[in-house]
Amino acid sequence: MKWGLWDIETGNLIGWRESEAEALALVRELVGKGWPVAALSLMVEDEGIPVEALSPAVTGAELVRRAEDVAEGRRLIA
């Protein structure tokens, strides 16, 4: 299983991470550098699971909530 972070405005892959926690750390890093949360989408890929059975992409407020949840005491400015 791997997690892909995408720029939804351009359709470009920003990067793959091996865990959700690592991908959310990348979200926090990018937002800290000024990337708009609205431009980010987090998707999971697992070759052992049919695409239609995978969780939907995480964006917006839900992406911010998850990123903050794994980084105790840190709040993102969205």
N, C-alpha and C. Protein backbone atom coordinates (compact mmCIF):
# COMPACT_ATOMS: atom_id res chain seq x y z
N MET A 1 0.85 -1.17 0.00
CA MET A 1 0.00 0.00 0.00
C MET A 1 0.90 1.23 0.00
N LYS A 2 0.54 2.22 -0.84
CA LYS A 2 1.28 3.47 -0.84
C LYS A 2 0.30 4.63 -1.00
N TRP A 3 0.76 5.79 -0.58
CA TRP A 3 -0.07 6.99 -0.55
C TRP A 3 0.50 8.02 -1.51
N GLY A 4 -0.35 8.53 -2.39
CA GLY A 4 0.07 9.53 -3.36
C GLY A 4 -0.54 10.88 -3.06
N LEU A 5 0.30 11.90 -3.09
CA LEU A 5 -0.19 13.26 -2.89
C LEU A 5 -0.17 13.95 -4.25
N TRP A 6 -1.31 14.50 -4.63
CA TRP A 6 -1.50 15.09 -5.95
C TRP A 6 -1.84 16.57 -5.85
N ASP A 7 -1.41 17.31 -6.85
CA ASP A 7 -1.82 18.71 -7.04
C ASP A 7 -3.03 18.64 -7.96
N ILE A 8 -4.21 18.89 -7.42
CA ILE A 8 -5.43 18.73 -8.22
C ILE A 8 -5.64 19.86 -9.22
N GLU A 9 -4.94 20.96 -9.04
CA GLU A 9 -5.06 22.06 -10.01
C GLU A 9 -4.31 21.73 -11.30
N THR A 10 -3.20 21.02 -11.20
CA THR A 10 -2.40 20.69 -12.38
C THR A 10 -2.52 19.22 -12.77
N GLY A 11 -3.00 18.38 -11.84
CA GLY A 11 -3.07 16.95 -12.10
C GLY A 11 -1.73 16.25 -11.95
N ASN A 12 -0.77 16.94 -11.37
CA ASN A 12 0.58 16.38 -11.20
C ASN A 12 0.74 15.66 -9.87
N LEU A 13 1.47 14.55 -9.92
CA LEU A 13 1.83 13.83 -8.71
C LEU A 13 2.93 14.61 -8.00
N ILE A 14 2.73 14.87 -6.71
CA ILE A 14 3.76 15.54 -5.91
C ILE A 14 4.72 14.51 -5.36
N GLY A 15 4.19 13.38 -4.88
CA GLY A 15 5.06 12.33 -4.37
C GLY A 15 4.30 11.17 -3.78
N TRP A 16 4.97 10.02 -3.73
CA TRP A 16 4.45 8.82 -3.10
C TRP A 16 5.12 8.65 -1.74
N ARG A 17 4.37 8.14 -0.77
CA ARG A 17 4.91 7.80 0.53
C ARG A 17 4.42 6.41 0.91
N GLU A 18 5.19 5.73 1.73
CA GLU A 18 4.88 4.35 2.10
C GLU A 18 3.80 4.23 3.18
N SER A 19 3.50 5.31 3.87
CA SER A 19 2.46 5.26 4.90
C SER A 19 1.63 6.54 4.86
N GLU A 20 0.44 6.46 5.42
CA GLU A 20 -0.41 7.64 5.50
C GLU A 20 0.26 8.71 6.36
N ALA A 21 0.89 8.30 7.45
CA ALA A 21 1.55 9.27 8.34
C ALA A 21 2.65 10.03 7.60
N GLU A 22 3.43 9.33 6.77
CA GLU A 22 4.48 9.99 5.99
C GLU A 22 3.88 10.96 4.97
N ALA A 23 2.78 10.55 4.34
CA ALA A 23 2.11 11.42 3.36
C ALA A 23 1.53 12.66 4.03
N LEU A 24 0.98 12.49 5.23
CA LEU A 24 0.41 13.63 5.96
C LEU A 24 1.51 14.57 6.45
N ALA A 25 2.68 14.02 6.74
CA ALA A 25 3.82 14.87 7.09
C ALA A 25 4.21 15.73 5.89
N LEU A 26 4.13 15.15 4.68
CA LEU A 26 4.40 15.92 3.47
C LEU A 26 3.36 17.02 3.29
N VAL A 27 2.11 16.72 3.58
CA VAL A 27 1.05 17.74 3.51
C VAL A 27 1.40 18.89 4.44
N ARG A 28 1.76 18.58 5.69
CA ARG A 28 2.11 19.64 6.65
C ARG A 28 3.30 20.46 6.15
N GLU A 29 4.29 19.80 5.59
CA GLU A 29 5.47 20.50 5.07
C GLU A 29 5.08 21.46 3.94
N LEU A 30 4.29 20.97 3.00
CA LEU A 30 3.91 21.81 1.85
C LEU A 30 3.03 22.98 2.26
N VAL A 31 2.07 22.73 3.14
CA VAL A 31 1.20 23.82 3.61
C VAL A 31 2.04 24.84 4.37
N GLY A 32 3.00 24.37 5.14
CA GLY A 32 3.90 25.27 5.85
C GLY A 32 4.72 26.14 4.92
N LYS A 33 4.94 25.66 3.69
CA LYS A 33 5.69 26.42 2.69
C LYS A 33 4.78 27.27 1.81
N GLY A 34 3.48 27.26 2.12
CA GLY A 34 2.56 28.13 1.40
C GLY A 34 1.66 27.47 0.37
N TRP A 35 1.75 26.16 0.21
CA TRP A 35 0.84 25.49 -0.73
C TRP A 35 -0.58 25.60 -0.20
N PRO A 36 -1.55 25.89 -1.06
CA PRO A 36 -2.95 25.92 -0.61
C PRO A 36 -3.49 24.50 -0.43
N VAL A 37 -4.11 24.25 0.70
CA VAL A 37 -4.67 22.92 0.98
C VAL A 37 -5.67 22.54 -0.10
N ALA A 38 -6.39 23.51 -0.63
CA ALA A 38 -7.40 23.24 -1.65
C ALA A 38 -6.80 22.62 -2.91
N ALA A 39 -5.50 22.75 -3.10
CA ALA A 39 -4.83 22.20 -4.29
C ALA A 39 -4.33 20.78 -4.06
N LEU A 40 -4.45 20.23 -2.85
CA LEU A 40 -3.87 18.93 -2.52
C LEU A 40 -4.93 17.84 -2.41
N SER A 41 -4.56 16.66 -2.86
CA SER A 41 -5.43 15.49 -2.77
C SER A 41 -4.58 14.29 -2.41
N LEU A 42 -5.00 13.55 -1.39
CA LEU A 42 -4.27 12.37 -0.93
C LEU A 42 -5.05 11.12 -1.31
N MET A 43 -4.36 10.22 -2.03
CA MET A 43 -5.00 8.98 -2.50
C MET A 43 -4.16 7.78 -2.09
N VAL A 44 -4.84 6.67 -1.82
CA VAL A 44 -4.16 5.44 -1.47
C VAL A 44 -4.19 4.50 -2.67
N GLU A 45 -3.11 3.73 -2.83
CA GLU A 45 -3.05 2.72 -3.88
C GLU A 45 -2.59 1.42 -3.26
N ASP A 46 -3.30 0.36 -3.60
CA ASP A 46 -2.94 -0.97 -3.12
C ASP A 46 -3.25 -1.95 -4.24
N GLU A 47 -2.22 -2.54 -4.81
CA GLU A 47 -2.42 -3.44 -5.95
C GLU A 47 -3.25 -4.66 -5.60
N GLY A 48 -3.38 -4.98 -4.31
CA GLY A 48 -4.15 -6.14 -3.89
C GLY A 48 -5.63 -5.86 -3.70
N ILE A 49 -6.04 -4.61 -3.88
CA ILE A 49 -7.43 -4.23 -3.68
C ILE A 49 -7.96 -3.60 -4.97
N PRO A 50 -9.15 -4.02 -5.43
CA PRO A 50 -9.70 -3.39 -6.63
C PRO A 50 -9.89 -1.89 -6.43
N VAL A 51 -9.67 -1.12 -7.48
CA VAL A 51 -9.74 0.34 -7.40
C VAL A 51 -11.06 0.80 -6.80
N GLU A 52 -12.16 0.18 -7.19
CA GLU A 52 -13.47 0.60 -6.69
C GLU A 52 -13.66 0.34 -5.19
N ALA A 53 -12.81 -0.50 -4.60
CA ALA A 53 -12.90 -0.80 -3.17
C ALA A 53 -11.99 0.08 -2.33
N LEU A 54 -11.14 0.88 -2.96
CA LEU A 54 -10.23 1.76 -2.22
C LEU A 54 -10.99 2.96 -1.65
N SER A 55 -10.45 3.53 -0.61
CA SER A 55 -11.02 4.73 -0.02
C SER A 55 -10.95 5.88 -1.02
N PRO A 56 -11.93 6.78 -0.99
CA PRO A 56 -11.87 7.93 -1.91
C PRO A 56 -10.74 8.88 -1.52
N ALA A 57 -10.37 9.73 -2.43
CA ALA A 57 -9.33 10.74 -2.17
C ALA A 57 -9.73 11.62 -1.01
N VAL A 58 -8.73 12.08 -0.27
CA VAL A 58 -8.96 12.99 0.86
C VAL A 58 -8.48 14.38 0.45
N THR A 59 -9.34 15.37 0.63
CA THR A 59 -9.03 16.75 0.24
C THR A 59 -9.56 17.72 1.29
N GLY A 60 -9.24 18.98 1.11
CA GLY A 60 -9.83 20.07 1.88
C GLY A 60 -9.75 19.91 3.39
N ALA A 61 -10.87 20.20 4.05
CA ALA A 61 -10.94 20.19 5.51
C ALA A 61 -10.60 18.82 6.10
N GLU A 62 -11.00 17.76 5.43
CA GLU A 62 -10.69 16.41 5.93
C GLU A 62 -9.19 16.14 5.87
N LEU A 63 -8.53 16.61 4.82
CA LEU A 63 -7.08 16.44 4.71
C LEU A 63 -6.37 17.21 5.82
N VAL A 64 -6.81 18.42 6.09
CA VAL A 64 -6.25 19.22 7.17
C VAL A 64 -6.45 18.52 8.51
N ARG A 65 -7.66 18.01 8.76
CA ARG A 65 -7.96 17.32 10.02
C ARG A 65 -7.02 16.14 10.22
N ARG A 66 -6.85 15.33 9.19
CA ARG A 66 -5.97 14.16 9.31
C ARG A 66 -4.52 14.56 9.55
N ALA A 67 -4.07 15.58 8.82
CA ALA A 67 -2.68 16.03 8.98
C ALA A 67 -2.44 16.55 10.39
N GLU A 68 -3.41 17.28 10.94
CA GLU A 68 -3.28 17.79 12.30
C GLU A 68 -3.36 16.68 13.33
N ASP A 69 -4.22 15.68 13.08
CA ASP A 69 -4.39 14.58 14.04
C ASP A 69 -3.11 13.79 14.26
N VAL A 70 -2.30 13.63 13.21
CA VAL A 70 -1.07 12.84 13.38
C VAL A 70 0.09 13.68 13.88
N ALA A 71 -0.11 14.98 14.00
CA ALA A 71 0.94 15.88 14.52
C ALA A 71 0.38 16.60 15.72
N GLU A 72 0.42 15.96 16.87
CA GLU A 72 -0.15 16.53 18.09
C GLU A 72 0.30 17.96 18.31
N GLY A 73 -0.67 18.80 18.61
CA GLY A 73 -0.37 20.18 18.97
C GLY A 73 -0.03 21.08 17.80
N ARG A 74 -0.07 20.58 16.57
CA ARG A 74 0.24 21.40 15.40
C ARG A 74 -1.03 21.68 14.63
N ARG A 75 -1.26 22.94 14.30
CA ARG A 75 -2.42 23.33 13.52
C ARG A 75 -1.94 23.86 12.18
N LEU A 76 -2.66 23.48 11.14
CA LEU A 76 -2.35 23.98 9.82
C LEU A 76 -3.22 25.18 9.52
N ILE A 77 -2.68 26.10 8.78
CA ILE A 77 -3.47 27.24 8.31
C ILE A 77 -3.91 26.89 6.91
N ALA A 78 -5.21 26.73 6.74
CA ALA A 78 -5.74 26.31 5.44
C ALA A 78 -6.37 27.46 4.70
